[in-house]
Amino acid sequence: MERVTIIVDARDRFSTTTKCLETLFANTPQAIDVIVVIGGAPEHLKREWQTAFGNRARFIFKDQFINQPQARNIGLREAKTRLAVQIDNDNFVRPGWLEALVRCQQETNAVLVVPVILERPDRIHTAGNDLYITKDQGKTHAYKHLRYFGMPYGEGANMKRQRTDYSELHCQLVVVEPTLRLGANDEAIIEVGEVDQGLTFAKAGYEMWFEPASVVHYALRCPVEADDIRFFAWRWDLRRVDEGYRYFERKWGMDVSEHGTFRDWLVRYNAQIGLLPRLWPTAAAIKLDQKLGELRERVTDLMLFPKYRFQRLRKRQLGYYDWTAGVSKS
């Protein structure tokens, strides 16, 4: 297999890095160079990673937090190979993942190849992407579409290799030279860089492909640990994300904010860290915040109990509990 550089960056937490690297080395051929680029990590984690993986990976540490495109560009500039994988540190690769990506690139001459991305071990996050564009009152709006989102995934599926409009940033194989030359990792965009990247490659006449034989598990909403809190809060700061969206709109003349509703998703995602841990970034604060959240849910459930009872009665009347197709009897 052609030698490949794998660039690992931190998406929004540090605590997943060890497992990411463990699965990477366990499920990847030896013909790889691994560069880990992380900013703002605590010293004890740096020592831990270097002790465990220092003989197999090159670590580039920065004092301050850096975003994904910054980390990836640093890694690409250090790469000595034609091809590179850009992967976040909350992704866990499966056997055969890299060989399939490389094979697809060689057979299609794609500038970028994306695998199946799972958000749970048995559920698809995305398997290629479409960009839907429409106009409303003279303004251009773009919407991201994640193919097969939420579909169950067992031992393979009938998905076919096909072109993709863009690629989620979780894991992607790229050709190094055009990626750097075109500025496909735009460091001014914290979020929605995947769409900017896809538009950049397409404008230059390059193709992007989805490869179903390659599978990677993106650990969606894995626990946030004390060492992650400040980095997570920095990464998902709504004001900074909004600046990137405004920059994207000026660059491409289109709005990708879903008519402003993306901020609601950001609020929900930020809820992984409560106010208490943000003010007091410790493990104790995380635990206390979780207990308070559980108490709040119990109180809410009690308040909604009559509503749930009505829903159960309605389901019973409609025959919901008599339904058998696809329902496990266990």
C-alpha atoms as a PDB file:
ATOM      1  CA  MET A   1       0.000   0.000   0.000  1.00  0.00           C
ATOM      2  CA  GLU A   2       1.153   3.552  -0.747  1.00  0.00           C
ATOM      3  CA  ARG A   3       2.627   5.267   2.291  1.00  0.00           C
ATOM      4  CA  VAL A   4       0.279   7.759   3.954  1.00  0.00           C
ATOM      5  CA  THR A   5       0.676  10.462   6.597  1.00  0.00           C
ATOM      6  CA  ILE A   6      -2.026  10.466   9.269  1.00  0.00           C
ATOM      7  CA  ILE A   7      -2.618  13.821  10.946  1.00  0.00           C
ATOM      8  CA  VAL A   8      -4.505  13.665  14.241  1.00  0.00           C
ATOM      9  CA  ASP A   9      -6.005  16.854  15.651  1.00  0.00           C
ATOM     10  CA  ALA A  10      -8.105  17.605  18.736  1.00  0.00           C
ATOM     11  CA  ARG A  11     -11.718  18.408  17.858  1.00  0.00           C
ATOM     12  CA  ASP A  12     -13.198  19.613  21.147  1.00  0.00           C
ATOM     13  CA  ARG A  13     -11.650  17.521  23.929  1.00  0.00           C
ATOM     14  CA  PHE A  14      -8.350  15.904  24.869  1.00  0.00           C
ATOM     15  CA  SER A  15      -9.569  12.834  26.756  1.00  0.00           C
ATOM     16  CA  THR A  16     -10.315  10.741  23.646  1.00  0.00           C
ATOM     17  CA  THR A  17      -6.777  10.998  22.250  1.00  0.00           C
ATOM     18  CA  THR A  18      -5.379   7.856  23.864  1.00  0.00           C
ATOM     19  CA  LYS A  19      -8.155   5.578  22.598  1.00  0.00           C
ATOM     20  CA  CYS A  20      -8.003   7.216  19.174  1.00  0.00           C
ATOM     21  CA  LEU A  21      -4.300   6.440  18.852  1.00  0.00           C
ATOM     22  CA  GLU A  22      -4.679   2.934  20.287  1.00  0.00           C
ATOM     23  CA  THR A  23      -7.286   1.969  17.694  1.00  0.00           C
ATOM     24  CA  LEU A  24      -5.340   3.755  14.969  1.00  0.00           C
ATOM     25  CA  PHE A  25      -2.190   1.716  15.519  1.00  0.00           C
ATOM     26  CA  ALA A  26      -4.135  -1.519  16.088  1.00  0.00           C
ATOM     27  CA  ASN A  27      -6.162  -1.259  12.862  1.00  0.00           C
ATOM     28  CA  THR A  28      -3.777   0.411  10.429  1.00  0.00           C
ATOM     29  CA  PRO A  29      -0.952  -0.981   8.227  1.00  0.00           C
ATOM     30  CA  GLN A  30       2.614  -0.115   9.160  1.00  0.00           C
ATOM     31  CA  ALA A  31       3.186   2.028   6.046  1.00  0.00           C
ATOM     32  CA  ILE A  32       2.141   5.237   7.787  1.00  0.00           C
ATOM     33  CA  ASP A  33       3.616   8.357   9.321  1.00  0.00           C
ATOM     34  CA  VAL A  34       1.581   9.692  12.245  1.00  0.00           C
ATOM     35  CA  ILE A  35       1.676  13.364  13.238  1.00  0.00           C
ATOM     36  CA  VAL A  36      -0.384  14.495  16.239  1.00  0.00           C
ATOM     37  CA  VAL A  37      -0.991  18.257  16.382  1.00  0.00           C
ATOM     38  CA  ILE A  38      -2.653  19.583  19.548  1.00  0.00           C
ATOM     39  CA  GLY A  39      -2.733  22.989  21.212  1.00  0.00           C
ATOM     40  CA  GLY A  40      -3.301  23.876  24.847  1.00  0.00           C
ATOM     41  CA  ALA A  41      -3.169  20.353  26.292  1.00  0.00           C
ATOM     42  CA  PRO A  42      -2.232  19.918  29.975  1.00  0.00           C
ATOM     43  CA  GLU A  43       1.366  18.892  30.604  1.00  0.00           C
ATOM     44  CA  HIS A  44       0.429  15.584  32.243  1.00  0.00           C
ATOM     45  CA  LEU A  45      -1.472  14.513  29.123  1.00  0.00           C
ATOM     46  CA  LYS A  46       1.433  15.437  26.871  1.00  0.00           C
ATOM     47  CA  ARG A  47       3.727  13.238  28.970  1.00  0.00           C
ATOM     48  CA  GLU A  48       1.187  10.405  28.948  1.00  0.00           C
ATOM     49  CA  TRP A  49       0.832  10.465  25.158  1.00  0.00           C
ATOM     50  CA  GLN A  50       4.557  10.699  24.511  1.00  0.00           C
ATOM     51  CA  THR A  51       5.261   7.812  26.867  1.00  0.00           C
ATOM     52  CA  ALA A  52       2.633   5.593  25.246  1.00  0.00           C
ATOM     53  CA  PHE A  53       3.074   6.535  21.578  1.00  0.00           C
ATOM     54  CA  GLY A  54       6.273   8.562  21.250  1.00  0.00           C
ATOM     55  CA  ASN A  55       8.077   5.801  19.365  1.00  0.00           C
ATOM     56  CA  ARG A  56       5.296   5.552  16.766  1.00  0.00           C
ATOM     57  CA  ALA A  57       4.005   9.104  16.391  1.00  0.00           C
ATOM     58  CA  ARG A  58       5.465  12.569  16.128  1.00  0.00           C
ATOM     59  CA  PHE A  59       3.839  15.078  18.462  1.00  0.00           C
ATOM     60  CA  ILE A  60       3.616  18.790  17.703  1.00  0.00           C
ATOM     61  CA  PHE A  61       2.317  20.691  20.718  1.00  0.00           C
ATOM     62  CA  LYS A  62       1.278  24.346  20.768  1.00  0.00           C
ATOM     63  CA  ASP A  63       0.899  26.412  23.930  1.00  0.00           C
ATOM     64  CA  GLN A  64      -2.489  27.870  22.978  1.00  0.00           C
ATOM     65  CA  PHE A  65      -5.682  26.185  21.786  1.00  0.00           C
ATOM     66  CA  ILE A  66      -5.771  25.745  18.009  1.00  0.00           C
ATOM     67  CA  ASN A  67      -8.710  24.873  15.797  1.00  0.00           C
ATOM     68  CA  GLN A  68      -8.970  21.926  13.417  1.00  0.00           C
ATOM     69  CA  PRO A  69      -7.874  23.695  10.217  1.00  0.00           C
ATOM     70  CA  GLN A  70      -4.880  25.219  11.987  1.00  0.00           C
ATOM     71  CA  ALA A  71      -3.774  21.817  13.290  1.00  0.00           C
ATOM     72  CA  ARG A  72      -4.334  20.122   9.945  1.00  0.00           C
ATOM     73  CA  ASN A  73      -2.366  22.712   8.013  1.00  0.00           C
ATOM     74  CA  ILE A  74       0.541  22.336  10.423  1.00  0.00           C
ATOM     75  CA  GLY A  75       0.471  18.583   9.860  1.00  0.00           C
ATOM     76  CA  LEU A  76       0.122  18.831   6.080  1.00  0.00           C
ATOM     77  CA  ARG A  77       3.137  21.127   5.853  1.00  0.00           C
ATOM     78  CA  GLU A  78       5.170  18.490   7.706  1.00  0.00           C
ATOM     79  CA  ALA A  79       3.932  15.576   5.562  1.00  0.00           C
ATOM     80  CA  LYS A  80       6.423  13.871   3.227  1.00  0.00           C
ATOM     81  CA  THR A  81       3.837  11.735   1.427  1.00  0.00           C
ATOM     82  CA  ARG A  82       1.446  12.377  -1.471  1.00  0.00           C
ATOM     83  CA  LEU A  83      -1.584  11.389   0.580  1.00  0.00           C
ATOM     84  CA  ALA A  84      -2.635  12.297   4.108  1.00  0.00           C
ATOM     85  CA  VAL A  85      -5.515  11.449   6.400  1.00  0.00           C
ATOM     86  CA  GLN A  86      -6.973  14.276   8.462  1.00  0.00           C
ATOM     87  CA  ILE A  87      -8.726  12.770  11.474  1.00  0.00           C
ATOM     88  CA  ASP A  88     -10.140  14.152  14.715  1.00  0.00           C
ATOM     89  CA  ASN A  89      -9.079  12.575  17.991  1.00  0.00           C
ATOM     90  CA  ASP A  90     -12.616  11.384  18.804  1.00  0.00           C
ATOM     91  CA  ASN A  91     -12.676   8.917  15.895  1.00  0.00           C
ATOM     92  CA  PHE A  92     -11.914   5.220  16.230  1.00  0.00           C
ATOM     93  CA  VAL A  93     -10.952   3.446  13.014  1.00  0.00           C
ATOM     94  CA  ARG A  94     -11.929  -0.098  12.073  1.00  0.00           C
ATOM     95  CA  PRO A  95      -9.813  -2.750  10.313  1.00  0.00           C
ATOM     96  CA  GLY A  96      -9.307  -2.125   6.603  1.00  0.00           C
ATOM     97  CA  TRP A  97     -10.298   1.533   6.819  1.00  0.00           C
ATOM     98  CA  LEU A  98      -7.124   3.033   5.325  1.00  0.00           C
ATOM     99  CA  GLU A  99      -6.535   0.488   2.565  1.00  0.00           C
ATOM    100  CA  ALA A 100     -10.058   1.128   1.240  1.00  0.00           C
ATOM    101  CA  LEU A 101      -9.599   4.904   1.235  1.00  0.00           C
ATOM    102  CA  VAL A 102      -6.276   4.687  -0.600  1.00  0.00           C
ATOM    103  CA  ARG A 103      -7.662   2.226  -3.141  1.00  0.00           C
ATOM    104  CA  CYS A 104     -10.601   4.528  -3.866  1.00  0.00           C
ATOM    105  CA  GLN A 105      -8.306   7.521  -4.336  1.00  0.00           C
ATOM    106  CA  GLN A 106      -6.040   5.638  -6.716  1.00  0.00           C
ATOM    107  CA  GLU A 107      -8.965   4.342  -8.779  1.00  0.00           C
ATOM    108  CA  THR A 108     -10.896   7.641  -8.972  1.00  0.00           C
ATOM    109  CA  ASN A 109      -8.059  10.192  -8.776  1.00  0.00           C
ATOM    110  CA  ALA A 110     -10.140  12.020  -6.167  1.00  0.00           C
ATOM    111  CA  VAL A 111      -8.647  14.903  -4.229  1.00  0.00           C
ATOM    112  CA  LEU A 112     -10.584  13.697  -1.168  1.00  0.00           C
ATOM    113  CA  VAL A 113     -12.122  10.406  -0.041  1.00  0.00           C
ATOM    114  CA  VAL A 114     -14.440  10.003   2.940  1.00  0.00           C
ATOM    115  CA  PRO A 115     -15.402   6.778   4.784  1.00  0.00           C
ATOM    116  CA  VAL A 116     -18.626   5.686   6.426  1.00  0.00           C
ATOM    117  CA  ILE A 117     -18.801   7.700   9.650  1.00  0.00           C
ATOM    118  CA  LEU A 118     -20.698   6.033  12.498  1.00  0.00           C
ATOM    119  CA  GLU A 119     -21.924   8.046  15.489  1.00  0.00           C
ATOM    120  CA  ARG A 120     -22.583   4.892  17.490  1.00  0.00           C
ATOM    121  CA  PRO A 121     -21.009   1.489  16.853  1.00  0.00           C
ATOM    122  CA  ASP A 122     -24.165   0.454  14.977  1.00  0.00           C
ATOM    123  CA  ARG A 123     -25.610   3.722  13.653  1.00  0.00           C
ATOM    124  CA  ILE A 124     -24.585   5.911  10.717  1.00  0.00           C
ATOM    125  CA  HIS A 125     -23.699   9.560  11.179  1.00  0.00           C
ATOM    126  CA  THR A 126     -22.997  10.153   7.498  1.00  0.00           C
ATOM    127  CA  ALA A 127     -21.961   8.231   4.397  1.00  0.00           C
ATOM    128  CA  GLY A 128     -21.159  11.013   1.981  1.00  0.00           C
ATOM    129  CA  ASN A 129     -22.845  14.392   1.810  1.00  0.00           C
ATOM    130  CA  ASP A 130     -25.013  16.555  -0.418  1.00  0.00           C
ATOM    131  CA  LEU A 131     -25.185  20.338  -0.412  1.00  0.00           C
ATOM    132  CA  TYR A 132     -28.694  21.632  -1.100  1.00  0.00           C
ATOM    133  CA  ILE A 133     -28.783  25.231  -2.342  1.00  0.00           C
ATOM    134  CA  THR A 134     -31.861  27.424  -2.787  1.00  0.00           C
ATOM    135  CA  LYS A 135     -32.765  31.107  -2.923  1.00  0.00           C
ATOM    136  CA  ASP A 136     -35.179  32.945  -0.651  1.00  0.00           C
ATOM    137  CA  GLN A 137     -36.011  36.600  -1.322  1.00  0.00           C
ATOM    138  CA  GLY A 138     -32.876  36.958  -3.407  1.00  0.00           C
ATOM    139  CA  LYS A 139     -30.558  35.439  -0.789  1.00  0.00           C
ATOM    140  CA  THR A 140     -28.752  32.137  -1.354  1.00  0.00           C
ATOM    141  CA  HIS A 141     -29.093  29.526   1.389  1.00  0.00           C
ATOM    142  CA  ALA A 142     -27.172  26.246   1.611  1.00  0.00           C
ATOM    143  CA  TYR A 143     -28.156  23.228   3.681  1.00  0.00           C
ATOM    144  CA  LYS A 144     -26.014  20.254   4.600  1.00  0.00           C
ATOM    145  CA  HIS A 145     -27.420  16.796   3.978  1.00  0.00           C
ATOM    146  CA  LEU A 146     -25.836  13.782   5.668  1.00  0.00           C
ATOM    147  CA  ARG A 147     -26.559  10.694   3.585  1.00  0.00           C
ATOM    148  CA  TYR A 148     -28.016   7.715   5.496  1.00  0.00           C
ATOM    149  CA  PHE A 149     -28.006   9.733   8.731  1.00  0.00           C
ATOM    150  CA  GLY A 150     -29.437   7.723  11.639  1.00  0.00           C
ATOM    151  CA  MET A 151     -29.659   4.465   9.697  1.00  0.00           C
ATOM    152  CA  PRO A 152     -28.633   1.258  11.521  1.00  0.00           C
ATOM    153  CA  TYR A 153     -25.336  -0.259  10.422  1.00  0.00           C
ATOM    154  CA  GLY A 154     -24.543  -3.933  10.944  1.00  0.00           C
ATOM    155  CA  GLU A 155     -22.003  -6.126   9.180  1.00  0.00           C
ATOM    156  CA  GLY A 156     -21.688  -3.993   6.074  1.00  0.00           C
ATOM    157  CA  ALA A 157     -24.452  -2.509   3.907  1.00  0.00           C
ATOM    158  CA  ASN A 158     -25.475  -2.087   0.263  1.00  0.00           C
ATOM    159  CA  MET A 159     -24.096   1.446  -0.077  1.00  0.00           C
ATOM    160  CA  LYS A 160     -22.108   2.148  -3.243  1.00  0.00           C
ATOM    161  CA  ARG A 161     -18.982   4.151  -3.910  1.00  0.00           C
ATOM    162  CA  GLN A 162     -20.090   7.530  -5.263  1.00  0.00           C
ATOM    163  CA  ARG A 163     -19.179  11.188  -5.539  1.00  0.00           C
ATOM    164  CA  THR A 164     -19.861  13.491  -2.616  1.00  0.00           C
ATOM    165  CA  ASP A 165     -20.427  17.259  -2.557  1.00  0.00           C
ATOM    166  CA  TYR A 166     -18.298  17.662   0.526  1.00  0.00           C
ATOM    167  CA  SER A 167     -16.907  15.620   3.401  1.00  0.00           C
ATOM    168  CA  GLU A 168     -17.516  15.817   7.120  1.00  0.00           C
ATOM    169  CA  LEU A 169     -14.246  16.738   8.836  1.00  0.00           C
ATOM    170  CA  HIS A 170     -14.243  13.772  11.213  1.00  0.00           C
ATOM    171  CA  CYS A 171     -12.019  11.681   8.922  1.00  0.00           C
ATOM    172  CA  GLN A 172     -10.929  12.277   5.343  1.00  0.00           C
ATOM    173  CA  LEU A 173      -8.137  11.207   3.012  1.00  0.00           C
ATOM    174  CA  VAL A 174      -6.741  14.114   0.980  1.00  0.00           C
ATOM    175  CA  VAL A 175      -4.071  14.716  -1.634  1.00  0.00           C
ATOM    176  CA  VAL A 176      -1.604  16.961   0.188  1.00  0.00           C
ATOM    177  CA  GLU A 177      -0.414  19.336  -2.547  1.00  0.00           C
ATOM    178  CA  PRO A 178      -3.760  20.718  -3.784  1.00  0.00           C
ATOM    179  CA  THR A 179      -5.173  20.809  -0.260  1.00  0.00           C
ATOM    180  CA  LEU A 180      -2.400  23.173   0.807  1.00  0.00           C
ATOM    181  CA  ARG A 181      -2.235  25.101  -2.465  1.00  0.00           C
ATOM    182  CA  LEU A 182      -5.963  25.848  -2.519  1.00  0.00           C
ATOM    183  CA  GLY A 183      -6.184  26.655   1.192  1.00  0.00           C
ATOM    184  CA  ALA A 184      -8.858  23.988   1.601  1.00  0.00           C
ATOM    185  CA  ASN A 185      -8.441  24.092   5.390  1.00  0.00           C
ATOM    186  CA  ASP A 186      -9.459  27.729   5.913  1.00  0.00           C
ATOM    187  CA  GLU A 187      -8.256  28.709   9.379  1.00  0.00           C
ATOM    188  CA  ALA A 188     -10.816  31.519   9.691  1.00  0.00           C
ATOM    189  CA  ILE A 189     -13.686  29.016   9.798  1.00  0.00           C
ATOM    190  CA  ILE A 190     -14.168  27.172  13.086  1.00  0.00           C
ATOM    191  CA  GLU A 191     -17.356  25.368  12.100  1.00  0.00           C
ATOM    192  CA  VAL A 192     -18.766  24.473   8.638  1.00  0.00           C
ATOM    193  CA  GLY A 193     -15.242  24.193   7.240  1.00  0.00           C
ATOM    194  CA  GLU A 194     -16.337  20.997   5.520  1.00  0.00           C
ATOM    195  CA  VAL A 195     -18.643  22.937   3.189  1.00  0.00           C
ATOM    196  CA  ASP A 196     -15.979  25.561   2.500  1.00  0.00           C
ATOM    197  CA  GLN A 197     -13.540  22.771   1.691  1.00  0.00           C
ATOM    198  CA  GLY A 198     -15.979  21.054  -0.667  1.00  0.00           C
ATOM    199  CA  LEU A 199     -16.753  24.275  -2.522  1.00  0.00           C
ATOM    200  CA  THR A 200     -13.037  25.040  -2.779  1.00  0.00           C
ATOM    201  CA  PHE A 201     -12.195  21.669  -4.317  1.00  0.00           C
ATOM    202  CA  ALA A 202     -15.201  21.753  -6.647  1.00  0.00           C
ATOM    203  CA  LYS A 203     -14.365  25.262  -7.873  1.00  0.00           C
ATOM    204  CA  ALA A 204     -10.867  24.031  -8.764  1.00  0.00           C
ATOM    205  CA  GLY A 205     -12.321  21.109 -10.744  1.00  0.00           C
ATOM    206  CA  TYR A 206     -11.476  18.273  -8.346  1.00  0.00           C
ATOM    207  CA  GLU A 207     -13.706  15.319  -7.490  1.00  0.00           C
ATOM    208  CA  MET A 208     -14.536  14.062  -3.997  1.00  0.00           C
ATOM    209  CA  TRP A 209     -15.671  10.487  -3.358  1.00  0.00           C
ATOM    210  CA  PHE A 210     -17.347   8.392  -0.662  1.00  0.00           C
ATOM    211  CA  GLU A 211     -15.906   4.910  -0.023  1.00  0.00           C
ATOM    212  CA  PRO A 212     -18.302   2.448   1.721  1.00  0.00           C
ATOM    213  CA  ALA A 213     -15.614  -0.165   2.428  1.00  0.00           C
ATOM    214  CA  SER A 214     -13.928   2.166   4.919  1.00  0.00           C
ATOM    215  CA  VAL A 215     -15.603   2.555   8.321  1.00  0.00           C
ATOM    216  CA  VAL A 216     -14.745   4.907  11.183  1.00  0.00           C
ATOM    217  CA  HIS A 217     -16.630   5.381  14.468  1.00  0.00           C
ATOM    218  CA  TYR A 218     -17.005   9.004  15.546  1.00  0.00           C
ATOM    219  CA  ALA A 219     -17.663   8.967  19.304  1.00  0.00           C
ATOM    220  CA  LEU A 220     -20.535  11.442  19.380  1.00  0.00           C
ATOM    221  CA  ARG A 221     -21.141  12.999  22.805  1.00  0.00           C
ATOM    222  CA  CYS A 222     -18.591  10.926  24.676  1.00  0.00           C
ATOM    223  CA  PRO A 223     -18.115  12.109  28.280  1.00  0.00           C
ATOM    224  CA  VAL A 224     -16.400  15.438  28.863  1.00  0.00           C
ATOM    225  CA  GLU A 225     -13.642  15.237  31.480  1.00  0.00           C
ATOM    226  CA  ALA A 226     -12.171  17.988  33.620  1.00  0.00           C
ATOM    227  CA  ASP A 227      -9.167  18.462  31.324  1.00  0.00           C
ATOM    228  CA  ASP A 228     -11.555  19.051  28.405  1.00  0.00           C
ATOM    229  CA  ILE A 229     -13.758  21.781  29.853  1.00  0.00           C
ATOM    230  CA  ARG A 230     -11.891  24.940  28.865  1.00  0.00           C
ATOM    231  CA  PHE A 231     -11.024  23.591  25.408  1.00  0.00           C
ATOM    232  CA  PHE A 232     -14.607  22.454  24.772  1.00  0.00           C
ATOM    233  CA  ALA A 233     -15.988  25.842  25.822  1.00  0.00           C
ATOM    234  CA  TRP A 234     -13.462  27.631  23.583  1.00  0.00           C
ATOM    235  CA  ARG A 235     -14.221  25.394  20.607  1.00  0.00           C
ATOM    236  CA  TRP A 236     -17.999  25.844  20.746  1.00  0.00           C
ATOM    237  CA  ASP A 237     -18.197  29.505  21.729  1.00  0.00           C
ATOM    238  CA  LEU A 238     -21.206  30.787  19.767  1.00  0.00           C
ATOM    239  CA  ARG A 239     -19.699  34.206  19.131  1.00  0.00           C
ATOM    240  CA  ARG A 240     -16.557  32.739  17.575  1.00  0.00           C
ATOM    241  CA  VAL A 241     -18.560  30.242  15.521  1.00  0.00           C
ATOM    242  CA  ASP A 242     -20.799  33.077  14.300  1.00  0.00           C
ATOM    243  CA  GLU A 243     -17.747  35.014  13.106  1.00  0.00           C
ATOM    244  CA  GLY A 244     -16.784  32.017  10.974  1.00  0.00           C
ATOM    245  CA  TYR A 245     -20.268  31.750   9.510  1.00  0.00           C
ATOM    246  CA  ARG A 246     -20.255  35.448   8.607  1.00  0.00           C
ATOM    247  CA  TYR A 247     -16.837  35.012   6.997  1.00  0.00           C
ATOM    248  CA  PHE A 248     -18.125  32.033   5.012  1.00  0.00           C
ATOM    249  CA  GLU A 249     -21.121  34.056   3.789  1.00  0.00           C
ATOM    250  CA  ARG A 250     -18.872  36.875   2.587  1.00  0.00           C
ATOM    251  CA  LYS A 251     -16.548  34.381   0.892  1.00  0.00           C
ATOM    252  CA  TRP A 252     -19.168  32.336  -0.974  1.00  0.00           C
ATOM    253  CA  GLY A 253     -22.233  34.568  -1.068  1.00  0.00           C
ATOM    254  CA  MET A 254     -24.424  32.016   0.681  1.00  0.00           C
ATOM    255  CA  ASP A 255     -25.831  31.499   4.165  1.00  0.00           C
ATOM    256  CA  VAL A 256     -25.249  28.071   5.761  1.00  0.00           C
ATOM    257  CA  SER A 257     -26.770  28.933   9.155  1.00  0.00           C
ATOM    258  CA  GLU A 258     -30.100  27.218   8.326  1.00  0.00           C
ATOM    259  CA  HIS A 259     -31.904  30.560   8.612  1.00  0.00           C
ATOM    260  CA  GLY A 260     -30.183  31.148  11.945  1.00  0.00           C
ATOM    261  CA  THR A 261     -31.443  27.942  13.556  1.00  0.00           C
ATOM    262  CA  PHE A 262     -27.966  26.395  13.745  1.00  0.00           C
ATOM    263  CA  ARG A 263     -27.451  28.415  16.913  1.00  0.00           C
ATOM    264  CA  ASP A 264     -30.137  26.248  18.553  1.00  0.00           C
ATOM    265  CA  TRP A 265     -28.071  23.141  17.758  1.00  0.00           C
ATOM    266  CA  LEU A 266     -25.022  24.861  19.228  1.00  0.00           C
ATOM    267  CA  VAL A 267     -26.901  25.567  22.461  1.00  0.00           C
ATOM    268  CA  ARG A 268     -27.949  21.904  22.713  1.00  0.00           C
ATOM    269  CA  TYR A 269     -24.416  20.690  22.012  1.00  0.00           C
ATOM    270  CA  ASN A 270     -22.955  23.103  24.554  1.00  0.00           C
ATOM    271  CA  ALA A 271     -25.299  21.608  27.166  1.00  0.00           C
ATOM    272  CA  GLN A 272     -22.779  18.773  27.575  1.00  0.00           C
ATOM    273  CA  ILE A 273     -21.041  21.145  29.987  1.00  0.00           C
ATOM    274  CA  GLY A 274     -23.210  22.973  32.495  1.00  0.00           C
ATOM    275  CA  LEU A 275     -22.647  26.400  33.972  1.00  0.00           C
ATOM    276  CA  LEU A 276     -21.072  25.034  37.162  1.00  0.00           C
ATOM    277  CA  PRO A 277     -18.176  23.174  35.449  1.00  0.00           C
ATOM    278  CA  ARG A 278     -17.571  26.191  33.202  1.00  0.00           C
ATOM    279  CA  LEU A 279     -17.114  28.352  36.294  1.00  0.00           C
ATOM    280  CA  TRP A 280     -15.266  25.652  38.260  1.00  0.00           C
ATOM    281  CA  PRO A 281     -13.564  23.301  35.736  1.00  0.00           C
ATOM    282  CA  THR A 282     -13.021  20.250  37.937  1.00  0.00           C
ATOM    283  CA  ALA A 283     -14.175  16.639  38.053  1.00  0.00           C
ATOM    284  CA  ALA A 284     -16.153  17.416  41.215  1.00  0.00           C
ATOM    285  CA  ALA A 285     -18.056  20.175  39.426  1.00  0.00           C
ATOM    286  CA  ILE A 286     -18.891  17.824  36.546  1.00  0.00           C
ATOM    287  CA  LYS A 287     -20.219  15.199  38.966  1.00  0.00           C
ATOM    288  CA  LEU A 288     -22.293  17.731  40.918  1.00  0.00           C
ATOM    289  CA  ASP A 289     -23.694  19.179  37.694  1.00  0.00           C
ATOM    290  CA  GLN A 290     -24.704  15.688  36.552  1.00  0.00           C
ATOM    291  CA  LYS A 291     -26.513  15.034  39.848  1.00  0.00           C
ATOM    292  CA  LEU A 292     -28.362  18.323  39.575  1.00  0.00           C
ATOM    293  CA  GLY A 293     -29.312  17.428  36.008  1.00  0.00           C
ATOM    294  CA  GLU A 294     -30.690  14.052  37.105  1.00  0.00           C
ATOM    295  CA  LEU A 295     -32.750  15.762  39.809  1.00  0.00           C
ATOM    296  CA  ARG A 296     -34.096  18.255  37.283  1.00  0.00           C
ATOM    297  CA  GLU A 297     -35.111  15.408  34.948  1.00  0.00           C
ATOM    298  CA  ARG A 298     -36.974  13.595  37.759  1.00  0.00           C
ATOM    299  CA  VAL A 299     -38.926  16.736  38.614  1.00  0.00           C
ATOM    300  CA  THR A 300     -39.730  17.299  34.932  1.00  0.00           C
ATOM    301  CA  ASP A 301     -40.888  13.686  34.533  1.00  0.00           C
ATOM    302  CA  LEU A 302     -43.239  14.043  37.499  1.00  0.00           C
ATOM    303  CA  MET A 303     -44.715  17.203  36.017  1.00  0.00           C
ATOM    304  CA  LEU A 304     -45.248  15.488  32.656  1.00  0.00           C
ATOM    305  CA  PHE A 305     -46.591  12.203  34.109  1.00  0.00           C
ATOM    306  CA  PRO A 306     -50.250  12.884  33.096  1.00  0.00           C
ATOM    307  CA  LYS A 307     -49.113  13.615  29.528  1.00  0.00           C
ATOM    308  CA  TYR A 308     -47.193  10.319  29.351  1.00  0.00           C
ATOM    309  CA  ARG A 309     -50.221   8.412  30.661  1.00  0.00           C
ATOM    310  CA  PHE A 310     -52.409   9.929  27.946  1.00  0.00           C
ATOM    311  CA  GLN A 311     -49.848   9.037  25.276  1.00  0.00           C
ATOM    312  CA  ARG A 312     -49.731   5.414  26.458  1.00  0.00           C
ATOM    313  CA  LEU A 313     -53.531   5.152  26.368  1.00  0.00           C
ATOM    314  CA  ARG A 314     -53.620   6.615  22.863  1.00  0.00           C
ATOM    315  CA  LYS A 315     -50.940   4.194  21.655  1.00  0.00           C
ATOM    316  CA  ARG A 316     -52.856   1.268  23.136  1.00  0.00           C
ATOM    317  CA  GLN A 317     -56.059   2.382  21.403  1.00  0.00           C
ATOM    318  CA  LEU A 318     -54.244   2.632  18.056  1.00  0.00           C
ATOM    319  CA  GLY A 319     -52.730  -0.859  18.434  1.00  0.00           C
ATOM    320  CA  TYR A 320     -49.170   0.319  19.013  1.00  0.00           C
ATOM    321  CA  TYR A 321     -48.441  -2.395  21.580  1.00  0.00           C
ATOM    322  CA  ASP A 322     -49.874  -5.109  19.303  1.00  0.00           C
ATOM    323  CA  TRP A 323     -47.394  -4.264  16.555  1.00  0.00           C
ATOM    324  CA  THR A 324     -44.957  -7.137  15.847  1.00  0.00           C
ATOM    325  CA  ALA A 325     -43.016  -6.288  12.651  1.00  0.00           C
ATOM    326  CA  GLY A 326     -39.364  -5.703  13.485  1.00  0.00           C
ATOM    327  CA  VAL A 327     -40.017  -5.648  17.226  1.00  0.00           C
ATOM    328  CA  SER A 328     -37.832  -7.816  19.454  1.00  0.00           C
ATOM    329  CA  LYS A 329     -39.717 -10.034  21.913  1.00  0.00           C
ATOM    330  CA  SER A 330     -36.886 -10.019  24.443  1.00  0.00           C
END
